[in-house]
């Protein structure tokens, strides 16, 4: 719905680097630099 799913909350809790803030930052970057964001992380 409008909330994070159980899977999302699992990632936020247990997966290193998978914080709400990190996802929001990356989400903004995708608006202009989608290819380069993926390439840089890869």
ModelCIF file with pLDDT and N, C-alpha, C, O atoms, coordinates in Angstrom:
data_MODEL
#
_entry.id   MODEL 
#
_entity.id                         1 
_entity.type                       polymer 
_entity.pdbx_number_of_molecules   1 
#
_entity_poly.entity_id                      1 
_entity_poly.type                           'polypeptide(L)' 
_entity_poly.nstd_linkage                   no 
_entity_poly.nstd_monomer                   no 
_entity_poly.pdbx_seq_one_letter_code       
;(UNK)(UNK)(UNK)(UNK)(UNK)(UNK)(UNK)(UNK)(UNK)(UNK)(UNK)(UNK)(UNK)(UNK)(UNK)(UNK)
(UNK)(UNK)(UNK)(UNK)(UNK)(UNK)(UNK)(UNK)(UNK)(UNK)(UNK)(UNK)(UNK)(UNK)(UNK)(UNK)
(UNK)(UNK)(UNK)(UNK)(UNK)(UNK)(UNK)(UNK)(UNK)(UNK)
;
_entity_poly.pdbx_seq_one_letter_code_can   XXXXXXXXXXXXXXXXXXXXXXXXXXXXXXXXXXXXXXXXXX 
_entity_poly.pdbx_strand_id                 A 
#
loop_
_entity_poly_seq.entity_id 
_entity_poly_seq.num 
_entity_poly_seq.mon_id 
_entity_poly_seq.hetero 
1 1  UNK n 
1 2  UNK n 
1 3  UNK n 
1 4  UNK n 
1 5  UNK n 
1 6  UNK n 
1 7  UNK n 
1 8  UNK n 
1 9  UNK n 
1 10 UNK n 
1 11 UNK n 
1 12 UNK n 
1 13 UNK n 
1 14 UNK n 
1 15 UNK n 
1 16 UNK n 
1 17 UNK n 
1 18 UNK n 
1 19 UNK n 
1 20 UNK n 
1 21 UNK n 
1 22 UNK n 
1 23 UNK n 
1 24 UNK n 
1 25 UNK n 
1 26 UNK n 
1 27 UNK n 
1 28 UNK n 
1 29 UNK n 
1 30 UNK n 
1 31 UNK n 
1 32 UNK n 
1 33 UNK n 
1 34 UNK n 
1 35 UNK n 
1 36 UNK n 
1 37 UNK n 
1 38 UNK n 
1 39 UNK n 
1 40 UNK n 
1 41 UNK n 
1 42 UNK n 
#
_struct_asym.id          A 
_struct_asym.entity_id   1 
#
loop_
_ma_qa_metric.id 
_ma_qa_metric.mode 
_ma_qa_metric.name 
_ma_qa_metric.software_group_id 
_ma_qa_metric.type 
1 global pLDDT . pLDDT 
2 local  pLDDT . pLDDT 
#
_ma_qa_metric_global.metric_id      1 
_ma_qa_metric_global.metric_value   81.43 
_ma_qa_metric_global.model_id       1 
_ma_qa_metric_global.ordinal_id     1 
#
loop_
_ma_qa_metric_local.label_asym_id 
_ma_qa_metric_local.label_comp_id 
_ma_qa_metric_local.label_seq_id 
_ma_qa_metric_local.metric_id 
_ma_qa_metric_local.metric_value 
_ma_qa_metric_local.model_id 
_ma_qa_metric_local.ordinal_id 
A UNK 1  2 79.00 1 1  
A UNK 2  2 80.00 1 2  
A UNK 3  2 86.00 1 3  
A UNK 4  2 88.00 1 4  
A UNK 5  2 91.00 1 5  
A UNK 6  2 91.00 1 6  
A UNK 7  2 90.00 1 7  
A UNK 8  2 88.00 1 8  
A UNK 9  2 89.00 1 9  
A UNK 10 2 88.00 1 10 
A UNK 11 2 85.00 1 11 
A UNK 12 2 85.00 1 12 
A UNK 13 2 85.00 1 13 
A UNK 14 2 80.00 1 14 
A UNK 15 2 78.00 1 15 
A UNK 16 2 72.00 1 16 
A UNK 17 2 72.00 1 17 
A UNK 18 2 75.00 1 18 
A UNK 19 2 79.00 1 19 
A UNK 20 2 82.00 1 20 
A UNK 21 2 83.00 1 21 
A UNK 22 2 78.00 1 22 
A UNK 23 2 80.00 1 23 
A UNK 24 2 78.00 1 24 
A UNK 25 2 79.00 1 25 
A UNK 26 2 77.00 1 26 
A UNK 27 2 75.00 1 27 
A UNK 28 2 75.00 1 28 
A UNK 29 2 77.00 1 29 
A UNK 30 2 78.00 1 30 
A UNK 31 2 69.00 1 31 
A UNK 32 2 72.00 1 32 
A UNK 33 2 78.00 1 33 
A UNK 34 2 82.00 1 34 
A UNK 35 2 84.00 1 35 
A UNK 36 2 83.00 1 36 
A UNK 37 2 83.00 1 37 
A UNK 38 2 88.00 1 38 
A UNK 39 2 86.00 1 39 
A UNK 40 2 84.00 1 40 
A UNK 41 2 83.00 1 41 
A UNK 42 2 85.00 1 42 
#
loop_
_atom_site.group_PDB 
_atom_site.id 
_atom_site.type_symbol 
_atom_site.label_atom_id 
_atom_site.label_alt_id 
_atom_site.label_comp_id 
_atom_site.label_asym_id 
_atom_site.label_entity_id 
_atom_site.label_seq_id 
_atom_site.pdbx_PDB_ins_code 
_atom_site.Cartn_x 
_atom_site.Cartn_y 
_atom_site.Cartn_z 
_atom_site.occupancy 
_atom_site.B_iso_or_equiv 
_atom_site.pdbx_formal_charge 
_atom_site.auth_seq_id 
_atom_site.auth_comp_id 
_atom_site.auth_asym_id 
_atom_site.auth_atom_id 
_atom_site.pdbx_PDB_model_num 
ATOM 1   N N  . UNK A 1 1  ? 0.841  -1.189 0.000   1.00 79.00 ? 1  UNK A N  1 
ATOM 2   C CA . UNK A 1 1  ? 0.000  0.000  0.000   1.00 79.00 ? 1  UNK A CA 1 
ATOM 3   C C  . UNK A 1 1  ? 0.877  1.240  0.000   1.00 79.00 ? 1  UNK A C  1 
ATOM 4   O O  . UNK A 1 1  ? 1.731  1.407  -0.871  1.00 79.00 ? 1  UNK A O  1 
ATOM 5   N N  . UNK A 1 2  ? 0.662  2.113  0.985   1.00 80.00 ? 2  UNK A N  1 
ATOM 6   C CA . UNK A 1 2  ? 1.456  3.335  1.085   1.00 80.00 ? 2  UNK A CA 1 
ATOM 7   C C  . UNK A 1 2  ? 2.620  3.184  2.056   1.00 80.00 ? 2  UNK A C  1 
ATOM 8   O O  . UNK A 1 2  ? 3.361  4.140  2.287   1.00 80.00 ? 2  UNK A O  1 
ATOM 9   N N  . UNK A 1 3  ? 2.787  2.000  2.622   1.00 86.00 ? 3  UNK A N  1 
ATOM 10  C CA . UNK A 1 3  ? 3.811  1.791  3.642   1.00 86.00 ? 3  UNK A CA 1 
ATOM 11  C C  . UNK A 1 3  ? 4.862  0.795  3.146   1.00 86.00 ? 3  UNK A C  1 
ATOM 12  O O  . UNK A 1 3  ? 4.644  0.060  2.182   1.00 86.00 ? 3  UNK A O  1 
ATOM 13  N N  . UNK A 1 4  ? 6.006  0.793  3.835   1.00 88.00 ? 4  UNK A N  1 
ATOM 14  C CA . UNK A 1 4  ? 7.038  -0.198 3.519   1.00 88.00 ? 4  UNK A CA 1 
ATOM 15  C C  . UNK A 1 4  ? 6.516  -1.592 3.850   1.00 88.00 ? 4  UNK A C  1 
ATOM 16  O O  . UNK A 1 4  ? 5.819  -1.793 4.845   1.00 88.00 ? 4  UNK A O  1 
ATOM 17  N N  . UNK A 1 5  ? 6.866  -2.540 3.003   1.00 91.00 ? 5  UNK A N  1 
ATOM 18  C CA . UNK A 1 5  ? 6.431  -3.916 3.223   1.00 91.00 ? 5  UNK A CA 1 
ATOM 19  C C  . UNK A 1 5  ? 7.299  -4.589 4.283   1.00 91.00 ? 5  UNK A C  1 
ATOM 20  O O  . UNK A 1 5  ? 8.282  -4.013 4.748   1.00 91.00 ? 5  UNK A O  1 
ATOM 21  N N  . UNK A 1 6  ? 6.935  -5.794 4.655   1.00 91.00 ? 6  UNK A N  1 
ATOM 22  C CA . UNK A 1 6  ? 7.730  -6.576 5.616   1.00 91.00 ? 6  UNK A CA 1 
ATOM 23  C C  . UNK A 1 6  ? 9.119  -6.859 5.053   1.00 91.00 ? 6  UNK A C  1 
ATOM 24  O O  . UNK A 1 6  ? 10.099 -6.886 5.798   1.00 91.00 ? 6  UNK A O  1 
ATOM 25  N N  . UNK A 1 7  ? 9.203  -7.068 3.748   1.00 90.00 ? 7  UNK A N  1 
ATOM 26  C CA . UNK A 1 7  ? 10.504 -7.304 3.104   1.00 90.00 ? 7  UNK A CA 1 
ATOM 27  C C  . UNK A 1 7  ? 11.385 -6.067 3.222   1.00 90.00 ? 7  UNK A C  1 
ATOM 28  O O  . UNK A 1 7  ? 12.571 -6.178 3.533   1.00 90.00 ? 7  UNK A O  1 
ATOM 29  N N  . UNK A 1 8  ? 10.816 -4.890 2.976   1.00 88.00 ? 8  UNK A N  1 
ATOM 30  C CA . UNK A 1 8  ? 11.587 -3.650 3.089   1.00 88.00 ? 8  UNK A CA 1 
ATOM 31  C C  . UNK A 1 8  ? 12.097 -3.455 4.513   1.00 88.00 ? 8  UNK A C  1 
ATOM 32  O O  . UNK A 1 8  ? 13.257 -3.095 4.711   1.00 88.00 ? 8  UNK A O  1 
ATOM 33  N N  . UNK A 1 9  ? 11.246 -3.686 5.501   1.00 89.00 ? 9  UNK A N  1 
ATOM 34  C CA . UNK A 1 9  ? 11.657 -3.528 6.894   1.00 89.00 ? 9  UNK A CA 1 
ATOM 35  C C  . UNK A 1 9  ? 12.720 -4.551 7.293   1.00 89.00 ? 9  UNK A C  1 
ATOM 36  O O  . UNK A 1 9  ? 13.579 -4.266 8.127   1.00 89.00 ? 9  UNK A O  1 
ATOM 37  N N  . UNK A 1 10 ? 12.658 -5.747 6.690   1.00 88.00 ? 10 UNK A N  1 
ATOM 38  C CA . UNK A 1 10 ? 13.705 -6.744 6.931   1.00 88.00 ? 10 UNK A CA 1 
ATOM 39  C C  . UNK A 1 10 ? 15.050 -6.216 6.444   1.00 88.00 ? 10 UNK A C  1 
ATOM 40  O O  . UNK A 1 10 ? 16.057 -6.343 7.141   1.00 88.00 ? 10 UNK A O  1 
ATOM 41  N N  . UNK A 1 11 ? 15.071 -5.626 5.257   1.00 85.00 ? 11 UNK A N  1 
ATOM 42  C CA . UNK A 1 11 ? 16.309 -5.066 4.706   1.00 85.00 ? 11 UNK A CA 1 
ATOM 43  C C  . UNK A 1 11 ? 16.831 -3.932 5.584   1.00 85.00 ? 11 UNK A C  1 
ATOM 44  O O  . UNK A 1 11 ? 18.026 -3.866 5.872   1.00 85.00 ? 11 UNK A O  1 
ATOM 45  N N  . UNK A 1 12 ? 15.942 -3.044 6.007   1.00 85.00 ? 12 UNK A N  1 
ATOM 46  C CA . UNK A 1 12 ? 16.354 -1.918 6.848   1.00 85.00 ? 12 UNK A CA 1 
ATOM 47  C C  . UNK A 1 12 ? 16.976 -2.387 8.159   1.00 85.00 ? 12 UNK A C  1 
ATOM 48  O O  . UNK A 1 12 ? 17.871 -1.738 8.702   1.00 85.00 ? 12 UNK A O  1 
ATOM 49  N N  . UNK A 1 13 ? 16.495 -3.515 8.657   1.00 85.00 ? 13 UNK A N  1 
ATOM 50  C CA . UNK A 1 13 ? 16.943 -4.009 9.965   1.00 85.00 ? 13 UNK A CA 1 
ATOM 51  C C  . UNK A 1 13 ? 18.215 -4.847 9.873   1.00 85.00 ? 13 UNK A C  1 
ATOM 52  O O  . UNK A 1 13 ? 19.095 -4.728 10.726  1.00 85.00 ? 13 UNK A O  1 
ATOM 53  N N  . UNK A 1 14 ? 18.322 -5.689 8.853   1.00 80.00 ? 14 UNK A N  1 
ATOM 54  C CA . UNK A 1 14 ? 19.367 -6.709 8.855   1.00 80.00 ? 14 UNK A CA 1 
ATOM 55  C C  . UNK A 1 14 ? 20.423 -6.592 7.746   1.00 80.00 ? 14 UNK A C  1 
ATOM 56  O O  . UNK A 1 14 ? 21.498 -7.179 7.871   1.00 80.00 ? 14 UNK A O  1 
ATOM 57  N N  . UNK A 1 15 ? 20.147 -5.862 6.684   1.00 78.00 ? 15 UNK A N  1 
ATOM 58  C CA . UNK A 1 15 ? 21.083 -5.827 5.555   1.00 78.00 ? 15 UNK A CA 1 
ATOM 59  C C  . UNK A 1 15 ? 21.964 -4.578 5.646   1.00 78.00 ? 15 UNK A C  1 
ATOM 60  O O  . UNK A 1 15 ? 21.449 -3.460 5.619   1.00 78.00 ? 15 UNK A O  1 
ATOM 61  N N  . UNK A 1 16 ? 23.286 -4.754 5.754   1.00 72.00 ? 16 UNK A N  1 
ATOM 62  C CA . UNK A 1 16 ? 24.199 -3.607 5.854   1.00 72.00 ? 16 UNK A CA 1 
ATOM 63  C C  . UNK A 1 16 ? 24.068 -2.666 4.661   1.00 72.00 ? 16 UNK A C  1 
ATOM 64  O O  . UNK A 1 16 ? 24.046 -3.104 3.510   1.00 72.00 ? 16 UNK A O  1 
ATOM 65  N N  . UNK A 1 17 ? 23.981 -1.376 4.948   1.00 72.00 ? 17 UNK A N  1 
ATOM 66  C CA . UNK A 1 17 ? 23.887 -0.378 3.884   1.00 72.00 ? 17 UNK A CA 1 
ATOM 67  C C  . UNK A 1 17 ? 22.473 -0.102 3.415   1.00 72.00 ? 17 UNK A C  1 
ATOM 68  O O  . UNK A 1 17 ? 22.236 0.865  2.691   1.00 72.00 ? 17 UNK A O  1 
ATOM 69  N N  . UNK A 1 18 ? 21.533 -0.939 3.818   1.00 75.00 ? 18 UNK A N  1 
ATOM 70  C CA . UNK A 1 18 ? 20.146 -0.799 3.340   1.00 75.00 ? 18 UNK A CA 1 
ATOM 71  C C  . UNK A 1 18 ? 19.307 0.004  4.333   1.00 75.00 ? 18 UNK A C  1 
ATOM 72  O O  . UNK A 1 18 ? 18.363 -0.517 4.926   1.00 75.00 ? 18 UNK A O  1 
ATOM 73  N N  . UNK A 1 19 ? 19.658 1.261  4.504   1.00 79.00 ? 19 UNK A N  1 
ATOM 74  C CA . UNK A 1 19 ? 18.904 2.128  5.405   1.00 79.00 ? 19 UNK A CA 1 
ATOM 75  C C  . UNK A 1 19 ? 17.885 2.945  4.623   1.00 79.00 ? 19 UNK A C  1 
ATOM 76  O O  . UNK A 1 19 ? 17.995 3.086  3.405   1.00 79.00 ? 19 UNK A O  1 
ATOM 77  N N  . UNK A 1 20 ? 16.900 3.477  5.325   1.00 82.00 ? 20 UNK A N  1 
ATOM 78  C CA . UNK A 1 20 ? 15.889 4.316  4.670   1.00 82.00 ? 20 UNK A CA 1 
ATOM 79  C C  . UNK A 1 20 ? 16.552 5.519  4.002   1.00 82.00 ? 20 UNK A C  1 
ATOM 80  O O  . UNK A 1 20 ? 16.219 5.863  2.868   1.00 82.00 ? 20 UNK A O  1 
ATOM 81  N N  . UNK A 1 21 ? 17.487 6.154  4.701   1.00 83.00 ? 21 UNK A N  1 
ATOM 82  C CA . UNK A 1 21 ? 18.170 7.336  4.168   1.00 83.00 ? 21 UNK A CA 1 
ATOM 83  C C  . UNK A 1 21 ? 18.934 7.018  2.883   1.00 83.00 ? 21 UNK A C  1 
ATOM 84  O O  . UNK A 1 21 ? 18.886 7.784  1.920   1.00 83.00 ? 21 UNK A O  1 
ATOM 85  N N  . UNK A 1 22 ? 19.643 5.876  2.873   1.00 78.00 ? 22 UNK A N  1 
ATOM 86  C CA . UNK A 1 22 ? 20.410 5.499  1.682   1.00 78.00 ? 22 UNK A CA 1 
ATOM 87  C C  . UNK A 1 22 ? 19.500 5.305  0.468   1.00 78.00 ? 22 UNK A C  1 
ATOM 88  O O  . UNK A 1 22 ? 19.820 5.733  -0.640  1.00 78.00 ? 22 UNK A O  1 
ATOM 89  N N  . UNK A 1 23 ? 18.363 4.655  0.700   1.00 80.00 ? 23 UNK A N  1 
ATOM 90  C CA . UNK A 1 23 ? 17.444 4.428  -0.412  1.00 80.00 ? 23 UNK A CA 1 
ATOM 91  C C  . UNK A 1 23 ? 16.859 5.736  -0.931  1.00 80.00 ? 23 UNK A C  1 
ATOM 92  O O  . UNK A 1 23 ? 16.677 5.899  -2.137  1.00 80.00 ? 23 UNK A O  1 
ATOM 93  N N  . UNK A 1 24 ? 16.562 6.672  -0.025  1.00 78.00 ? 24 UNK A N  1 
ATOM 94  C CA . UNK A 1 24 ? 16.013 7.957  -0.449  1.00 78.00 ? 24 UNK A CA 1 
ATOM 95  C C  . UNK A 1 24 ? 17.035 8.760  -1.252  1.00 78.00 ? 24 UNK A C  1 
ATOM 96  O O  . UNK A 1 24 ? 16.686 9.422  -2.229  1.00 78.00 ? 24 UNK A O  1 
ATOM 97  N N  . UNK A 1 25 ? 18.305 8.696  -0.829  1.00 79.00 ? 25 UNK A N  1 
ATOM 98  C CA . UNK A 1 25 ? 19.371 9.398  -1.545  1.00 79.00 ? 25 UNK A CA 1 
ATOM 99  C C  . UNK A 1 25 ? 19.518 8.853  -2.963  1.00 79.00 ? 25 UNK A C  1 
ATOM 100 O O  . UNK A 1 25 ? 19.571 9.608  -3.934  1.00 79.00 ? 25 UNK A O  1 
ATOM 101 N N  . UNK A 1 26 ? 19.582 7.521  -3.059  1.00 77.00 ? 26 UNK A N  1 
ATOM 102 C CA . UNK A 1 26 ? 19.747 6.887  -4.375  1.00 77.00 ? 26 UNK A CA 1 
ATOM 103 C C  . UNK A 1 26 ? 18.533 7.158  -5.257  1.00 77.00 ? 26 UNK A C  1 
ATOM 104 O O  . UNK A 1 26 ? 18.662 7.366  -6.464  1.00 77.00 ? 26 UNK A O  1 
ATOM 105 N N  . UNK A 1 27 ? 17.360 7.152  -4.643  1.00 75.00 ? 27 UNK A N  1 
ATOM 106 C CA . UNK A 1 27 ? 16.127 7.397  -5.395  1.00 75.00 ? 27 UNK A CA 1 
ATOM 107 C C  . UNK A 1 27 ? 16.159 8.753  -6.088  1.00 75.00 ? 27 UNK A C  1 
ATOM 108 O O  . UNK A 1 27 ? 15.717 8.878  -7.230  1.00 75.00 ? 27 UNK A O  1 
ATOM 109 N N  . UNK A 1 28 ? 16.679 9.765  -5.406  1.00 75.00 ? 28 UNK A N  1 
ATOM 110 C CA . UNK A 1 28 ? 16.795 11.102 -6.001  1.00 75.00 ? 28 UNK A CA 1 
ATOM 111 C C  . UNK A 1 28 ? 17.807 11.115 -7.147  1.00 75.00 ? 28 UNK A C  1 
ATOM 112 O O  . UNK A 1 28 ? 17.590 11.761 -8.172  1.00 75.00 ? 28 UNK A O  1 
ATOM 113 N N  . UNK A 1 29 ? 18.910 10.398 -6.961  1.00 77.00 ? 29 UNK A N  1 
ATOM 114 C CA . UNK A 1 29 ? 19.951 10.387 -7.990  1.00 77.00 ? 29 UNK A CA 1 
ATOM 115 C C  . UNK A 1 29 ? 19.469 9.755  -9.296  1.00 77.00 ? 29 UNK A C  1 
ATOM 116 O O  . UNK A 1 29 ? 19.919 10.136 -10.376 1.00 77.00 ? 29 UNK A O  1 
ATOM 117 N N  . UNK A 1 30 ? 18.558 8.795  -9.197  1.00 78.00 ? 30 UNK A N  1 
ATOM 118 C CA . UNK A 1 30 ? 18.089 8.100  -10.386 1.00 78.00 ? 30 UNK A CA 1 
ATOM 119 C C  . UNK A 1 30 ? 17.356 9.019  -11.355 1.00 78.00 ? 30 UNK A C  1 
ATOM 120 O O  . UNK A 1 30 ? 17.285 8.730  -12.549 1.00 78.00 ? 30 UNK A O  1 
ATOM 121 N N  . UNK A 1 31 ? 16.820 10.105 -10.862 1.00 69.00 ? 31 UNK A N  1 
ATOM 122 C CA . UNK A 1 31 ? 16.054 11.006 -11.726 1.00 69.00 ? 31 UNK A CA 1 
ATOM 123 C C  . UNK A 1 31 ? 16.877 11.523 -12.905 1.00 69.00 ? 31 UNK A C  1 
ATOM 124 O O  . UNK A 1 31 ? 16.343 11.731 -13.994 1.00 69.00 ? 31 UNK A O  1 
ATOM 125 N N  . UNK A 1 32 ? 18.180 11.731 -12.687 1.00 72.00 ? 32 UNK A N  1 
ATOM 126 C CA . UNK A 1 32 ? 19.030 12.286 -13.746 1.00 72.00 ? 32 UNK A CA 1 
ATOM 127 C C  . UNK A 1 32 ? 20.126 11.347 -14.211 1.00 72.00 ? 32 UNK A C  1 
ATOM 128 O O  . UNK A 1 32 ? 20.540 11.398 -15.370 1.00 72.00 ? 32 UNK A O  1 
ATOM 129 N N  . UNK A 1 33 ? 20.599 10.490 -13.319 1.00 78.00 ? 33 UNK A N  1 
ATOM 130 C CA . UNK A 1 33 ? 21.818 9.733  -13.615 1.00 78.00 ? 33 UNK A CA 1 
ATOM 131 C C  . UNK A 1 33 ? 21.612 8.225  -13.495 1.00 78.00 ? 33 UNK A C  1 
ATOM 132 O O  . UNK A 1 33 ? 22.468 7.535  -12.941 1.00 78.00 ? 33 UNK A O  1 
ATOM 133 N N  . UNK A 1 34 ? 20.523 7.711  -13.990 1.00 82.00 ? 34 UNK A N  1 
ATOM 134 C CA . UNK A 1 34 ? 20.180 6.304  -13.770 1.00 82.00 ? 34 UNK A CA 1 
ATOM 135 C C  . UNK A 1 34 ? 21.298 5.343  -14.202 1.00 82.00 ? 34 UNK A C  1 
ATOM 136 O O  . UNK A 1 34 ? 21.677 4.450  -13.445 1.00 82.00 ? 34 UNK A O  1 
ATOM 137 N N  . UNK A 1 35 ? 21.825 5.530  -15.424 1.00 84.00 ? 35 UNK A N  1 
ATOM 138 C CA . UNK A 1 35 ? 22.871 4.628  -15.913 1.00 84.00 ? 35 UNK A CA 1 
ATOM 139 C C  . UNK A 1 35 ? 24.108 4.715  -15.034 1.00 84.00 ? 35 UNK A C  1 
ATOM 140 O O  . UNK A 1 35 ? 24.664 3.693  -14.632 1.00 84.00 ? 35 UNK A O  1 
ATOM 141 N N  . UNK A 1 36 ? 24.544 5.948  -14.732 1.00 83.00 ? 36 UNK A N  1 
ATOM 142 C CA . UNK A 1 36 ? 25.795 6.124  -14.014 1.00 83.00 ? 36 UNK A CA 1 
ATOM 143 C C  . UNK A 1 36 ? 25.700 5.713  -12.548 1.00 83.00 ? 36 UNK A C  1 
ATOM 144 O O  . UNK A 1 36 ? 26.699 5.310  -11.953 1.00 83.00 ? 36 UNK A O  1 
ATOM 145 N N  . UNK A 1 37 ? 24.518 5.811  -11.967 1.00 83.00 ? 37 UNK A N  1 
ATOM 146 C CA . UNK A 1 37 ? 24.339 5.345  -10.589 1.00 83.00 ? 37 UNK A CA 1 
ATOM 147 C C  . UNK A 1 37 ? 24.553 3.837  -10.527 1.00 83.00 ? 37 UNK A C  1 
ATOM 148 O O  . UNK A 1 37 ? 25.271 3.340  -9.660  1.00 83.00 ? 37 UNK A O  1 
ATOM 149 N N  . UNK A 1 38 ? 23.926 3.115  -11.450 1.00 88.00 ? 38 UNK A N  1 
ATOM 150 C CA . UNK A 1 38 ? 24.078 1.658  -11.484 1.00 88.00 ? 38 UNK A CA 1 
ATOM 151 C C  . UNK A 1 38 ? 25.512 1.264  -11.811 1.00 88.00 ? 38 UNK A C  1 
ATOM 152 O O  . UNK A 1 38 ? 26.084 0.380  -11.172 1.00 88.00 ? 38 UNK A O  1 
ATOM 153 N N  . UNK A 1 39 ? 26.087 1.925  -12.808 1.00 86.00 ? 39 UNK A N  1 
ATOM 154 C CA . UNK A 1 39 ? 27.454 1.598  -13.215 1.00 86.00 ? 39 UNK A CA 1 
ATOM 155 C C  . UNK A 1 39 ? 28.436 1.845  -12.080 1.00 86.00 ? 39 UNK A C  1 
ATOM 156 O O  . UNK A 1 39 ? 29.303 1.011  -11.822 1.00 86.00 ? 39 UNK A O  1 
ATOM 157 N N  . UNK A 1 40 ? 28.314 2.973  -11.401 1.00 84.00 ? 40 UNK A N  1 
ATOM 158 C CA . UNK A 1 40 ? 29.235 3.320  -10.313 1.00 84.00 ? 40 UNK A CA 1 
ATOM 159 C C  . UNK A 1 40 ? 29.159 2.297  -9.190  1.00 84.00 ? 40 UNK A C  1 
ATOM 160 O O  . UNK A 1 40 ? 30.186 1.856  -8.674  1.00 84.00 ? 40 UNK A O  1 
ATOM 161 N N  . UNK A 1 41 ? 27.944 1.921  -8.813  1.00 83.00 ? 41 UNK A N  1 
ATOM 162 C CA . UNK A 1 41 ? 27.792 0.927  -7.745  1.00 83.00 ? 41 UNK A CA 1 
ATOM 163 C C  . UNK A 1 41 ? 28.285 -0.443 -8.182  1.00 83.00 ? 41 UNK A C  1 
ATOM 164 O O  . UNK A 1 41 ? 28.822 -1.202 -7.375  1.00 83.00 ? 41 UNK A O  1 
ATOM 165 N N  . UNK A 1 42 ? 28.102 -0.759 -9.458  1.00 85.00 ? 42 UNK A N  1 
ATOM 166 C CA . UNK A 1 42 ? 28.530 -2.061 -9.948  1.00 85.00 ? 42 UNK A CA 1 
ATOM 167 C C  . UNK A 1 42 ? 30.034 -2.227 -9.991  1.00 85.00 ? 42 UNK A C  1 
ATOM 168 O O  . UNK A 1 42 ? 30.528 -3.283 -10.387 1.00 85.00 ? 42 UNK A O  1 
#
